[in-house]
Amino acid sequence: AIEVARKPQEPKPPFPYTSEEVSYTNGDIKLAGTLTIPEGPGPFPAAVMITGSGAQDRDEALLGHKPFLVIADYLTRNGIAVLRFDDRAVLVERD
């Protein structure tokens, strides 16, 4: 039997920040993503996470890893708002 590797770095709720599903359109294209906002009064510095080549989801999920989710969690816990979104060709079912 092959043992499935645990991914202890993947953050789990409840989160100490606000997480909002967002979407916007560009012509006929609708893009969806997640905006994480630190607790407390703003304004906050912000980061937009952009994937590399190939169709990627907002977490840049690959082989069970979700590096953009991990990075966004770290940044938001440290006072930085983060927007990450799915590439145009990616349709992701969200929980």
C-alpha atoms as a PDB file:
ATOM      1  CA  ALA A   1       0.000   0.000   0.000  1.00  0.00           C
ATOM      2  CA  ILE A   2       1.152   3.512  -0.795  1.00  0.00           C
ATOM      3  CA  GLU A   3       0.955   5.887   2.135  1.00  0.00           C
ATOM      4  CA  VAL A   4      -0.614   9.247   1.339  1.00  0.00           C
ATOM      5  CA  ALA A   5       1.642  12.058   2.496  1.00  0.00           C
ATOM      6  CA  ARG A   6       0.155  14.420   5.061  1.00  0.00           C
ATOM      7  CA  LYS A   7       0.327  18.122   4.241  1.00  0.00           C
ATOM      8  CA  PRO A   8       0.579  19.667   7.708  1.00  0.00           C
ATOM      9  CA  GLN A   9       1.477  23.053   6.246  1.00  0.00           C
ATOM     10  CA  GLU A  10      -1.990  23.478   4.716  1.00  0.00           C
ATOM     11  CA  PRO A  11      -3.922  25.915   6.935  1.00  0.00           C
ATOM     12  CA  LYS A  12      -7.274  24.845   8.339  1.00  0.00           C
ATOM     13  CA  PRO A  13     -10.155  27.002   9.619  1.00  0.00           C
ATOM     14  CA  PRO A  14     -11.016  28.780  11.741  1.00  0.00           C
ATOM     15  CA  PHE A  15      -8.766  31.529  10.385  1.00  0.00           C
ATOM     16  CA  PRO A  16      -7.831  34.696  12.316  1.00  0.00           C
ATOM     17  CA  TYR A  17      -8.787  36.808   9.293  1.00  0.00           C
ATOM     18  CA  THR A  18     -11.649  37.348   6.853  1.00  0.00           C
ATOM     19  CA  SER A  19     -11.748  35.233   3.701  1.00  0.00           C
ATOM     20  CA  GLU A  20     -14.108  36.306   0.894  1.00  0.00           C
ATOM     21  CA  GLU A  21     -14.934  34.628  -2.393  1.00  0.00           C
ATOM     22  CA  VAL A  22     -14.750  37.314  -5.097  1.00  0.00           C
ATOM     23  CA  SER A  23     -15.274  37.486  -8.847  1.00  0.00           C
ATOM     24  CA  TYR A  24     -14.900  40.037 -11.594  1.00  0.00           C
ATOM     25  CA  THR A  25     -15.389  40.134 -15.323  1.00  0.00           C
ATOM     26  CA  ASN A  26     -13.081  41.085 -18.140  1.00  0.00           C
ATOM     27  CA  GLY A  27     -15.143  41.283 -21.305  1.00  0.00           C
ATOM     28  CA  ASP A  28     -16.901  37.918 -21.614  1.00  0.00           C
ATOM     29  CA  ILE A  29     -14.549  36.258 -19.132  1.00  0.00           C
ATOM     30  CA  LYS A  30     -15.474  35.883 -15.455  1.00  0.00           C
ATOM     31  CA  LEU A  31     -12.607  35.295 -13.034  1.00  0.00           C
ATOM     32  CA  ALA A  32     -13.103  33.997  -9.495  1.00  0.00           C
ATOM     33  CA  GLY A  33     -10.785  34.126  -6.535  1.00  0.00           C
ATOM     34  CA  THR A  34     -10.301  34.533  -2.822  1.00  0.00           C
ATOM     35  CA  LEU A  35      -9.498  37.737  -0.957  1.00  0.00           C
ATOM     36  CA  THR A  36      -8.078  37.385   2.550  1.00  0.00           C
ATOM     37  CA  ILE A  37      -8.125  40.447   4.808  1.00  0.00           C
ATOM     38  CA  PRO A  38      -6.346  40.759   8.174  1.00  0.00           C
ATOM     39  CA  GLU A  39      -8.309  41.475  11.325  1.00  0.00           C
ATOM     40  CA  GLY A  40      -8.430  45.031  12.605  1.00  0.00           C
ATOM     41  CA  PRO A  41      -8.726  48.422  11.043  1.00  0.00           C
ATOM     42  CA  GLY A  42      -7.105  48.988   7.655  1.00  0.00           C
ATOM     43  CA  PRO A  43      -5.835  50.123   5.371  1.00  0.00           C
ATOM     44  CA  PHE A  44      -3.552  47.133   4.811  1.00  0.00           C
ATOM     45  CA  PRO A  45      -0.748  46.568   2.335  1.00  0.00           C
ATOM     46  CA  ALA A  46      -1.896  44.085  -0.303  1.00  0.00           C
ATOM     47  CA  ALA A  47      -0.462  41.407  -2.569  1.00  0.00           C
ATOM     48  CA  VAL A  48      -1.899  39.899  -5.750  1.00  0.00           C
ATOM     49  CA  MET A  49      -0.693  36.366  -6.408  1.00  0.00           C
ATOM     50  CA  ILE A  50      -0.292  35.458 -10.087  1.00  0.00           C
ATOM     51  CA  THR A  51       0.352  31.895 -11.221  1.00  0.00           C
ATOM     52  CA  GLY A  52       3.033  30.808 -13.629  1.00  0.00           C
ATOM     53  CA  SER A  53       2.552  29.045 -16.954  1.00  0.00           C
ATOM     54  CA  GLY A  54      -0.231  26.532 -17.454  1.00  0.00           C
ATOM     55  CA  ALA A  55      -3.752  26.494 -16.092  1.00  0.00           C
ATOM     56  CA  GLN A  56      -3.664  26.880 -12.311  1.00  0.00           C
ATOM     57  CA  ASP A  57      -6.270  27.358  -9.626  1.00  0.00           C
ATOM     58  CA  ARG A  58      -6.042  30.113  -7.004  1.00  0.00           C
ATOM     59  CA  ASP A  59      -4.116  27.826  -4.638  1.00  0.00           C
ATOM     60  CA  GLU A  60      -1.674  26.767  -7.387  1.00  0.00           C
ATOM     61  CA  ALA A  61      -2.540  23.210  -6.353  1.00  0.00           C
ATOM     62  CA  LEU A  62      -0.129  20.576  -7.613  1.00  0.00           C
ATOM     63  CA  LEU A  63       0.395  17.005  -6.408  1.00  0.00           C
ATOM     64  CA  GLY A  64      -1.502  17.612  -3.191  1.00  0.00           C
ATOM     65  CA  HIS A  65       0.313  20.834  -2.336  1.00  0.00           C
ATOM     66  CA  LYS A  66      -1.353  24.273  -2.251  1.00  0.00           C
ATOM     67  CA  PRO A  67       1.543  26.732  -2.071  1.00  0.00           C
ATOM     68  CA  PHE A  68      -0.521  29.887  -2.782  1.00  0.00           C
ATOM     69  CA  LEU A  69      -2.938  28.967   0.028  1.00  0.00           C
ATOM     70  CA  VAL A  70      -0.018  28.501   2.427  1.00  0.00           C
ATOM     71  CA  ILE A  71       1.657  31.772   1.380  1.00  0.00           C
ATOM     72  CA  ALA A  72      -1.607  33.759   1.473  1.00  0.00           C
ATOM     73  CA  ASP A  73      -2.338  32.417   4.957  1.00  0.00           C
ATOM     74  CA  TYR A  74       1.111  33.449   6.192  1.00  0.00           C
ATOM     75  CA  LEU A  75       0.931  36.923   4.650  1.00  0.00           C
ATOM     76  CA  THR A  76      -2.590  37.614   5.914  1.00  0.00           C
ATOM     77  CA  ARG A  77      -1.711  36.459   9.442  1.00  0.00           C
ATOM     78  CA  ASN A  78       1.083  39.034   9.253  1.00  0.00           C
ATOM     79  CA  GLY A  79      -1.054  41.999   8.206  1.00  0.00           C
ATOM     80  CA  ILE A  80      -1.111  41.806   4.400  1.00  0.00           C
ATOM     81  CA  ALA A  81      -4.342  41.451   2.398  1.00  0.00           C
ATOM     82  CA  VAL A  82      -4.014  38.896  -0.403  1.00  0.00           C
ATOM     83  CA  LEU A  83      -5.944  38.352  -3.643  1.00  0.00           C
ATOM     84  CA  ARG A  84      -5.418  35.088  -5.458  1.00  0.00           C
ATOM     85  CA  PHE A  85      -7.577  33.927  -8.342  1.00  0.00           C
ATOM     86  CA  ASP A  86      -8.117  31.043 -10.740  1.00  0.00           C
ATOM     87  CA  ASP A  87      -6.649  31.304 -14.249  1.00  0.00           C
ATOM     88  CA  ARG A  88      -9.110  31.889 -17.093  1.00  0.00           C
ATOM     89  CA  ALA A  89      -9.108  28.261 -18.229  1.00  0.00           C
ATOM     90  CA  VAL A  90      -9.685  26.854 -14.726  1.00  0.00           C
ATOM     91  CA  LEU A  91     -13.134  26.061 -13.370  1.00  0.00           C
ATOM     92  CA  VAL A  92     -12.917  24.999  -9.750  1.00  0.00           C
ATOM     93  CA  GLU A  93     -15.735  23.673  -7.577  1.00  0.00           C
ATOM     94  CA  ARG A  94     -15.360  25.374  -4.183  1.00  0.00           C
ATOM     95  CA  ASP A  95     -16.585  23.931  -0.890  1.00  0.00           C
END
